[in-house]
Amino acid sequence: MRANRAFRLIVSRESHEPAFLRDPHRLDRIEVVSIDDGEVVLFWDLPAKQATKLVRQLRADLVGLSVEEFTRAWEGRDAGAQEGA
């Protein structure tokens, strides 16, 4: 099963401007949520430009990888894992 069938990508922006017009201090929140139980699996709070790049990578991997491959590829790469280190 493809990862996009098991996970949902949610992007929340502090404002509605596109990344190139953004406030330099604007943070975007990116969450990968399990569809089965609604739990947040991965999350990041990033500056808009970095968030845009990460969302592209996540979308490509969600479509192109299986659930197991996606989990292996992204495990430990989110903000929660970095804070706990």
PDB file of N, CA and C in Angstrom:
ATOM      1  N   MET A   1       0.846  -1.172   0.000  1.00  0.00           N
ATOM      2  CA  MET A   1       0.000   0.000   0.000  1.00  0.00           C
ATOM      3  C   MET A   1       0.898   1.245   0.000  1.00  0.00           C
ATOM      4  N   ARG A   2       0.504   2.219  -0.792  1.00  0.00           N
ATOM      5  CA  ARG A   2       1.245   3.476  -0.875  1.00  0.00           C
ATOM      6  C   ARG A   2       1.064   4.288   0.409  1.00  0.00           C
ATOM      7  N   ALA A   3       2.095   5.037   0.756  1.00  0.00           N
ATOM      8  CA  ALA A   3       2.085   5.824   1.987  1.00  0.00           C
ATOM      9  C   ALA A   3       0.981   6.875   1.995  1.00  0.00           C
ATOM     10  N   ASN A   4       0.607   7.400   0.821  1.00  0.00           N
ATOM     11  CA  ASN A   4      -0.431   8.428   0.789  1.00  0.00           C
ATOM     12  C   ASN A   4      -1.810   7.876   1.135  1.00  0.00           C
ATOM     13  N   ARG A   5      -1.955   6.554   1.214  1.00  0.00           N
ATOM     14  CA  ARG A   5      -3.213   5.930   1.635  1.00  0.00           C
ATOM     15  C   ARG A   5      -3.255   5.748   3.153  1.00  0.00           C
ATOM     16  N   ALA A   6      -2.078   5.802   3.808  1.00  0.00           N
ATOM     17  CA  ALA A   6      -1.996   5.601   5.257  1.00  0.00           C
ATOM     18  C   ALA A   6      -1.752   6.898   6.020  1.00  0.00           C
ATOM     19  N   PHE A   7      -1.198   7.912   5.334  1.00  0.00           N
ATOM     20  CA  PHE A   7      -0.844   9.164   5.993  1.00  0.00           C
ATOM     21  C   PHE A   7      -1.446  10.350   5.258  1.00  0.00           C
ATOM     22  N   ARG A   8      -1.736  11.389   6.018  1.00  0.00           N
ATOM     23  CA  ARG A   8      -2.253  12.642   5.462  1.00  0.00           C
ATOM     24  C   ARG A   8      -1.252  13.747   5.759  1.00  0.00           C
ATOM     25  N   LEU A   9      -0.968  14.570   4.785  1.00  0.00           N
ATOM     26  CA  LEU A   9      -0.046  15.691   4.942  1.00  0.00           C
ATOM     27  C   LEU A   9      -0.854  16.954   5.208  1.00  0.00           C
ATOM     28  N   ILE A  10      -0.550  17.621   6.322  1.00  0.00           N
ATOM     29  CA  ILE A  10      -1.248  18.860   6.687  1.00  0.00           C
ATOM     30  C   ILE A  10      -0.208  19.969   6.788  1.00  0.00           C
ATOM     31  N   VAL A  11      -0.442  21.058   6.066  1.00  0.00           N
ATOM     32  CA  VAL A  11       0.456  22.217   6.101  1.00  0.00           C
ATOM     33  C   VAL A  11      -0.338  23.409   6.596  1.00  0.00           C
ATOM     34  N   SER A  12       0.135  24.030   7.684  1.00  0.00           N
ATOM     35  CA  SER A  12      -0.515  25.211   8.253  1.00  0.00           C
ATOM     36  C   SER A  12       0.453  26.377   8.166  1.00  0.00           C
ATOM     37  N   ARG A  13      -0.023  27.470   7.597  1.00  0.00           N
ATOM     38  CA  ARG A  13       0.818  28.660   7.441  1.00  0.00           C
ATOM     39  C   ARG A  13       0.330  29.764   8.364  1.00  0.00           C
ATOM     40  N   GLU A  14       1.277  30.558   8.887  1.00  0.00           N
ATOM     41  CA  GLU A  14       0.909  31.666   9.760  1.00  0.00           C
ATOM     42  C   GLU A  14       0.217  32.783   8.996  1.00  0.00           C
ATOM     43  N   SER A  15       0.430  32.849   7.693  1.00  0.00           N
ATOM     44  CA  SER A  15      -0.220  33.869   6.875  1.00  0.00           C
ATOM     45  C   SER A  15      -0.495  33.284   5.498  1.00  0.00           C
ATOM     46  N   HIS A  16      -1.210  34.026   4.678  1.00  0.00           N
ATOM     47  CA  HIS A  16      -1.636  33.507   3.380  1.00  0.00           C
ATOM     48  C   HIS A  16      -0.717  33.881   2.226  1.00  0.00           C
ATOM     49  N   GLU A  17       0.333  34.659   2.485  1.00  0.00           N
ATOM     50  CA  GLU A  17       1.227  35.058   1.407  1.00  0.00           C
ATOM     51  C   GLU A  17       2.039  33.867   0.921  1.00  0.00           C
ATOM     52  N   PRO A  18       2.394  33.857  -0.364  1.00  0.00           N
ATOM     53  CA  PRO A  18       3.290  32.806  -0.850  1.00  0.00           C
ATOM     54  C   PRO A  18       4.675  32.948  -0.215  1.00  0.00           C
ATOM     55  N   ALA A  19       5.457  31.894  -0.266  1.00  0.00           N
ATOM     56  CA  ALA A  19       6.755  31.862   0.417  1.00  0.00           C
ATOM     57  C   ALA A  19       7.674  33.002  -0.013  1.00  0.00           C
ATOM     58  N   PHE A  20       7.647  33.379  -1.298  1.00  0.00           N
ATOM     59  CA  PHE A  20       8.581  34.427  -1.747  1.00  0.00           C
ATOM     60  C   PHE A  20       8.180  35.825  -1.252  1.00  0.00           C
ATOM     61  N   LEU A  21       6.936  36.017  -0.786  1.00  0.00           N
ATOM     62  CA  LEU A  21       6.495  37.294  -0.222  1.00  0.00           C
ATOM     63  C   LEU A  21       6.392  37.250   1.304  1.00  0.00           C
ATOM     64  N   ARG A  22       6.864  36.199   1.890  1.00  0.00           N
ATOM     65  CA  ARG A  22       6.655  35.934   3.304  1.00  0.00           C
ATOM     66  C   ARG A  22       7.379  36.919   4.215  1.00  0.00           C
ATOM     67  N   ASP A  23       6.878  36.999   5.416  1.00  0.00           N
ATOM     68  CA  ASP A  23       7.590  37.647   6.506  1.00  0.00           C
ATOM     69  C   ASP A  23       8.781  36.741   6.829  1.00  0.00           C
ATOM     70  N   PRO A  24       9.978  37.270   6.965  1.00  0.00           N
ATOM     71  CA  PRO A  24      11.143  36.410   7.186  1.00  0.00           C
ATOM     72  C   PRO A  24      11.055  35.585   8.474  1.00  0.00           C
ATOM     73  N   HIS A  25      10.176  35.964   9.378  1.00  0.00           N
ATOM     74  CA  HIS A  25      10.040  35.243  10.646  1.00  0.00           C
ATOM     75  C   HIS A  25       8.842  34.304  10.665  1.00  0.00           C
ATOM     76  N   ARG A  26       8.149  34.195   9.534  1.00  0.00           N
ATOM     77  CA  ARG A  26       6.971  33.328   9.469  1.00  0.00           C
ATOM     78  C   ARG A  26       7.385  31.860   9.568  1.00  0.00           C
ATOM     79  N   LEU A  27       6.678  31.109  10.396  1.00  0.00           N
ATOM     80  CA  LEU A  27       6.902  29.675  10.503  1.00  0.00           C
ATOM     81  C   LEU A  27       5.693  28.934   9.959  1.00  0.00           C
ATOM     82  N   ASP A  28       5.951  27.884   9.221  1.00  0.00           N
ATOM     83  CA  ASP A  28       4.904  27.006   8.721  1.00  0.00           C
ATOM     84  C   ASP A  28       5.001  25.690   9.471  1.00  0.00           C
ATOM     85  N   ARG A  29       3.862  25.130   9.810  1.00  0.00           N
ATOM     86  CA  ARG A  29       3.814  23.837  10.505  1.00  0.00           C
ATOM     87  C   ARG A  29       3.451  22.765   9.491  1.00  0.00           C
ATOM     88  N   ILE A  30       4.231  21.693   9.481  1.00  0.00           N
ATOM     89  CA  ILE A  30       3.995  20.555   8.607  1.00  0.00           C
ATOM     90  C   ILE A  30       3.765  19.343   9.496  1.00  0.00           C
ATOM     91  N   GLU A  31       2.671  18.637   9.235  1.00  0.00           N
ATOM     92  CA  GLU A  31       2.346  17.439  10.011  1.00  0.00           C
ATOM     93  C   GLU A  31       2.040  16.291   9.055  1.00  0.00           C
ATOM     94  N   VAL A  32       2.534  15.123   9.392  1.00  0.00           N
ATOM     95  CA  VAL A  32       2.149  13.891   8.716  1.00  0.00           C
ATOM     96  C   VAL A  32       1.337  13.128   9.756  1.00  0.00           C
ATOM     97  N   VAL A  33       0.059  12.882   9.418  1.00  0.00           N
ATOM     98  CA  VAL A  33      -0.886  12.301  10.368  1.00  0.00           C
ATOM     99  C   VAL A  33      -1.341  10.937   9.855  1.00  0.00           C
ATOM    100  N   SER A  34      -1.418   9.983  10.763  1.00  0.00           N
ATOM    101  CA  SER A  34      -1.922   8.654  10.432  1.00  0.00           C
ATOM    102  C   SER A  34      -3.424   8.739  10.201  1.00  0.00           C
ATOM    103  N   ILE A  35      -3.888   8.225   9.082  1.00  0.00           N
ATOM    104  CA  ILE A  35      -5.320   8.253   8.767  1.00  0.00           C
ATOM    105  C   ILE A  35      -6.088   7.318   9.692  1.00  0.00           C
ATOM    106  N   ASP A  36      -5.504   6.180  10.058  1.00  0.00           N
ATOM    107  CA  ASP A  36      -6.185   5.196  10.889  1.00  0.00           C
ATOM    108  C   ASP A  36      -6.560   5.721  12.271  1.00  0.00           C
ATOM    109  N   ASP A  37      -5.616   6.363  12.952  1.00  0.00           N
ATOM    110  CA  ASP A  37      -5.886   6.769  14.334  1.00  0.00           C
ATOM    111  C   ASP A  37      -5.808   8.271  14.576  1.00  0.00           C
ATOM    112  N   GLY A  38      -5.463   9.052  13.553  1.00  0.00           N
ATOM    113  CA  GLY A  38      -5.415  10.503  13.698  1.00  0.00           C
ATOM    114  C   GLY A  38      -4.219  11.022  14.480  1.00  0.00           C
ATOM    115  N   GLU A  39      -3.263  10.161  14.775  1.00  0.00           N
ATOM    116  CA  GLU A  39      -2.071  10.559  15.520  1.00  0.00           C
ATOM    117  C   GLU A  39      -1.062  11.245  14.600  1.00  0.00           C
ATOM    118  N   VAL A  40      -0.394  12.264  15.132  1.00  0.00           N
ATOM    119  CA  VAL A  40       0.677  12.934  14.392  1.00  0.00           C
ATOM    120  C   VAL A  40       1.895  12.021  14.417  1.00  0.00           C
ATOM    121  N   VAL A  41       2.379  11.662  13.237  1.00  0.00           N
ATOM    122  CA  VAL A  41       3.521  10.771  13.112  1.00  0.00           C
ATOM    123  C   VAL A  41       4.813  11.577  13.009  1.00  0.00           C
ATOM    124  N   LEU A  42       4.784  12.651  12.229  1.00  0.00           N
ATOM    125  CA  LEU A  42       5.934  13.535  12.029  1.00  0.00           C
ATOM    126  C   LEU A  42       5.450  14.977  12.049  1.00  0.00           C
ATOM    127  N   PHE A  43       6.292  15.890  12.537  1.00  0.00           N
ATOM    128  CA  PHE A  43       5.924  17.308  12.454  1.00  0.00           C
ATOM    129  C   PHE A  43       7.166  18.183  12.431  1.00  0.00           C
ATOM    130  N   TRP A  44       6.999  19.345  11.831  1.00  0.00           N
ATOM    131  CA  TRP A  44       8.053  20.351  11.744  1.00  0.00           C
ATOM    132  C   TRP A  44       7.432  21.731  11.862  1.00  0.00           C
ATOM    133  N   ASP A  45       8.134  22.668  12.478  1.00  0.00           N
ATOM    134  CA  ASP A  45       7.847  24.096  12.418  1.00  0.00           C
ATOM    135  C   ASP A  45       9.065  24.719  11.753  1.00  0.00           C
ATOM    136  N   LEU A  46       8.884  25.181  10.521  1.00  0.00           N
ATOM    137  CA  LEU A  46      10.020  25.653   9.724  1.00  0.00           C
ATOM    138  C   LEU A  46       9.733  27.010   9.100  1.00  0.00           C
ATOM    139  N   PRO A  47      10.794  27.770   8.805  1.00  0.00           N
ATOM    140  CA  PRO A  47      10.614  28.985   7.996  1.00  0.00           C
ATOM    141  C   PRO A  47       9.976  28.611   6.661  1.00  0.00           C
ATOM    142  N   ALA A  48       9.234  29.534   6.085  1.00  0.00           N
ATOM    143  CA  ALA A  48       8.414  29.271   4.902  1.00  0.00           C
ATOM    144  C   ALA A  48       9.194  28.658   3.742  1.00  0.00           C
ATOM    145  N   LYS A  49      10.370  29.169   3.461  1.00  0.00           N
ATOM    146  CA  LYS A  49      11.140  28.667   2.315  1.00  0.00           C
ATOM    147  C   LYS A  49      11.554  27.209   2.524  1.00  0.00           C
ATOM    148  N   GLN A  50      12.030  26.882   3.710  1.00  0.00           N
ATOM    149  CA  GLN A  50      12.405  25.500   4.018  1.00  0.00           C
ATOM    150  C   GLN A  50      11.182  24.587   4.010  1.00  0.00           C
ATOM    151  N   ALA A  51      10.073  25.106   4.524  1.00  0.00           N
ATOM    152  CA  ALA A  51       8.837  24.319   4.571  1.00  0.00           C
ATOM    153  C   ALA A  51       8.370  23.957   3.165  1.00  0.00           C
ATOM    154  N   THR A  52       8.471  24.890   2.242  1.00  0.00           N
ATOM    155  CA  THR A  52       8.057  24.638   0.857  1.00  0.00           C
ATOM    156  C   THR A  52       8.847  23.483   0.254  1.00  0.00           C
ATOM    157  N   LYS A  53      10.156  23.473   0.473  1.00  0.00           N
ATOM    158  CA  LYS A  53      10.998  22.400  -0.050  1.00  0.00           C
ATOM    159  C   LYS A  53      10.657  21.061   0.605  1.00  0.00           C
ATOM    160  N   LEU A  54      10.455  21.074   1.909  1.00  0.00           N
ATOM    161  CA  LEU A  54      10.145  19.846   2.627  1.00  0.00           C
ATOM    162  C   LEU A  54       8.803  19.264   2.188  1.00  0.00           C
ATOM    163  N   VAL A  55       7.813  20.122   1.981  1.00  0.00           N
ATOM    164  CA  VAL A  55       6.492  19.654   1.545  1.00  0.00           C
ATOM    165  C   VAL A  55       6.601  18.963   0.187  1.00  0.00           C
ATOM    166  N   ARG A  56       7.403  19.502  -0.726  1.00  0.00           N
ATOM    167  CA  ARG A  56       7.606  18.858  -2.028  1.00  0.00           C
ATOM    168  C   ARG A  56       8.196  17.459  -1.868  1.00  0.00           C
ATOM    169  N   GLN A  57       9.210  17.345  -0.998  1.00  0.00           N
ATOM    170  CA  GLN A  57       9.844  16.044  -0.763  1.00  0.00           C
ATOM    171  C   GLN A  57       8.859  15.058  -0.142  1.00  0.00           C
ATOM    172  N   LEU A  58       8.111  15.517   0.843  1.00  0.00           N
ATOM    173  CA  LEU A  58       7.148  14.646   1.506  1.00  0.00           C
ATOM    174  C   LEU A  58       6.069  14.166   0.539  1.00  0.00           C
ATOM    175  N   ARG A  59       5.546  15.074  -0.270  1.00  0.00           N
ATOM    176  CA  ARG A  59       4.507  14.690  -1.235  1.00  0.00           C
ATOM    177  C   ARG A  59       5.024  13.642  -2.212  1.00  0.00           C
ATOM    178  N   ALA A  60       6.222  13.838  -2.705  1.00  0.00           N
ATOM    179  CA  ALA A  60       6.797  12.875  -3.646  1.00  0.00           C
ATOM    180  C   ALA A  60       6.976  11.510  -2.982  1.00  0.00           C
ATOM    181  N   ASP A  61       7.452  11.498  -1.759  1.00  0.00           N
ATOM    182  CA  ASP A  61       7.659  10.231  -1.065  1.00  0.00           C
ATOM    183  C   ASP A  61       6.343   9.570  -0.675  1.00  0.00           C
ATOM    184  N   LEU A  62       5.348  10.354  -0.309  1.00  0.00           N
ATOM    185  CA  LEU A  62       4.051   9.775   0.036  1.00  0.00           C
ATOM    186  C   LEU A  62       3.440   9.053  -1.163  1.00  0.00           C
ATOM    187  N   VAL A  63       3.622   9.592  -2.346  1.00  0.00           N
ATOM    188  CA  VAL A  63       3.072   8.979  -3.560  1.00  0.00           C
ATOM    189  C   VAL A  63       3.955   7.837  -4.048  1.00  0.00           C
ATOM    190  N   GLY A  64       5.257   7.979  -3.927  1.00  0.00           N
ATOM    191  CA  GLY A  64       6.174   7.026  -4.534  1.00  0.00           C
ATOM    192  C   GLY A  64       6.619   5.863  -3.680  1.00  0.00           C
ATOM    193  N   LEU A  65       6.417   5.945  -2.357  1.00  0.00           N
ATOM    194  CA  LEU A  65       6.922   4.898  -1.468  1.00  0.00           C
ATOM    195  C   LEU A  65       5.790   4.135  -0.803  1.00  0.00           C
ATOM    196  N   SER A  66       6.085   2.920  -0.402  1.00  0.00           N
ATOM    197  CA  SER A  66       5.127   2.158   0.393  1.00  0.00           C
ATOM    198  C   SER A  66       5.146   2.704   1.824  1.00  0.00           C
ATOM    199  N   VAL A  67       4.208   2.273   2.629  1.00  0.00           N
ATOM    200  CA  VAL A  67       4.139   2.723   4.025  1.00  0.00           C
ATOM    201  C   VAL A  67       5.442   2.400   4.757  1.00  0.00           C
ATOM    202  N   GLU A  68       5.937   1.203   4.585  1.00  0.00           N
ATOM    203  CA  GLU A  68       7.166   0.779   5.261  1.00  0.00           C
ATOM    204  C   GLU A  68       8.374   1.587   4.781  1.00  0.00           C
ATOM    205  N   GLU A  69       8.471   1.790   3.479  1.00  0.00           N
ATOM    206  CA  GLU A  69       9.591   2.564   2.922  1.00  0.00           C
ATOM    207  C   GLU A  69       9.541   4.009   3.401  1.00  0.00           C
ATOM    208  N   PHE A  70       8.348   4.597   3.413  1.00  0.00           N
ATOM    209  CA  PHE A  70       8.194   5.974   3.869  1.00  0.00           C
ATOM    210  C   PHE A  70       8.594   6.098   5.332  1.00  0.00           C
ATOM    211  N   THR A  71       8.121   5.172   6.150  1.00  0.00           N
ATOM    212  CA  THR A  71       8.437   5.199   7.584  1.00  0.00           C
ATOM    213  C   THR A  71       9.932   5.082   7.810  1.00  0.00           C
ATOM    214  N   ARG A  72      10.589   4.162   7.102  1.00  0.00           N
ATOM    215  CA  ARG A  72      12.047   4.013   7.237  1.00  0.00           C
ATOM    216  C   ARG A  72      12.783   5.267   6.780  1.00  0.00           C
ATOM    217  N   ALA A  73      12.332   5.858   5.677  1.00  0.00           N
ATOM    218  CA  ALA A  73      13.021   7.023   5.113  1.00  0.00           C
ATOM    219  C   ALA A  73      12.910   8.256   6.006  1.00  0.00           C
ATOM    220  N   TRP A  74      11.768   8.442   6.661  1.00  0.00           N
ATOM    221  CA  TRP A  74      11.524   9.672   7.401  1.00  0.00           C
ATOM    222  C   TRP A  74      11.623   9.527   8.919  1.00  0.00           C
ATOM    223  N   GLU A  75      11.752   8.331   9.420  1.00  0.00           N
ATOM    224  CA  GLU A  75      11.844   8.101  10.856  1.00  0.00           C
ATOM    225  C   GLU A  75      13.017   8.879  11.442  1.00  0.00           C
ATOM    226  N   GLY A  76      12.753   9.664  12.475  1.00  0.00           N
ATOM    227  CA  GLY A  76      13.804  10.416  13.147  1.00  0.00           C
ATOM    228  C   GLY A  76      14.206  11.705  12.471  1.00  0.00           C
ATOM    229  N   ARG A  77      13.558  12.084  11.379  1.00  0.00           N
ATOM    230  CA  ARG A  77      13.927  13.305  10.663  1.00  0.00           C
ATOM    231  C   ARG A  77      13.012  14.469  10.983  1.00  0.00           C
ATOM    232  N   ASP A  78      12.096  14.293  11.911  1.00  0.00           N
ATOM    233  CA  ASP A  78      11.152  15.368  12.234  1.00  0.00           C
ATOM    234  C   ASP A  78      11.652  16.180  13.428  1.00  0.00           C
ATOM    235  N   ALA A  79      10.946  17.252  13.723  1.00  0.00           N
ATOM    236  CA  ALA A  79      11.327  18.163  14.793  1.00  0.00           C
ATOM    237  C   ALA A  79      11.259  17.487  16.154  1.00  0.00           C
ATOM    238  N   GLY A  80      10.301  16.612  16.376  1.00  0.00           N
ATOM    239  CA  GLY A  80      10.157  15.929  17.650  1.00  0.00           C
ATOM    240  C   GLY A  80      11.381  15.093  17.989  1.00  0.00           C
ATOM    241  N   ALA A  81      11.929  14.425  17.004  1.00  0.00           N
ATOM    242  CA  ALA A  81      13.117  13.604  17.226  1.00  0.00           C
ATOM    243  C   ALA A  81      14.332  14.476  17.539  1.00  0.00           C
ATOM    244  N   GLN A  82      14.406  15.634  16.897  1.00  0.00           N
ATOM    245  CA  GLN A  82      15.549  16.524  17.119  1.00  0.00           C
ATOM    246  C   GLN A  82      15.486  17.154  18.508  1.00  0.00           C
ATOM    247  N   GLU A  83      14.267  17.484  18.990  1.00  0.00           N
ATOM    248  CA  GLU A  83      14.123  18.091  20.306  1.00  0.00           C
ATOM    249  C   GLU A  83      14.498  17.109  21.394  1.00  0.00           C
ATOM    250  N   GLY A  84      14.192  15.832  21.186  1.00  0.00           N
ATOM    251  CA  GLY A  84      14.472  14.834  22.192  1.00  0.00           C
ATOM    252  C   GLY A  84      15.941  14.417  22.262  1.00  0.00           C
ATOM    253  N   ALA A  85      16.724  14.803  21.292  1.00  0.00           N
ATOM    254  CA  ALA A  85      18.139  14.382  21.251  1.00  0.00           C
ATOM    255  C   ALA A  85      19.000  15.208  22.164  1.00  0.00           C
TER     256      ALA A  85
END
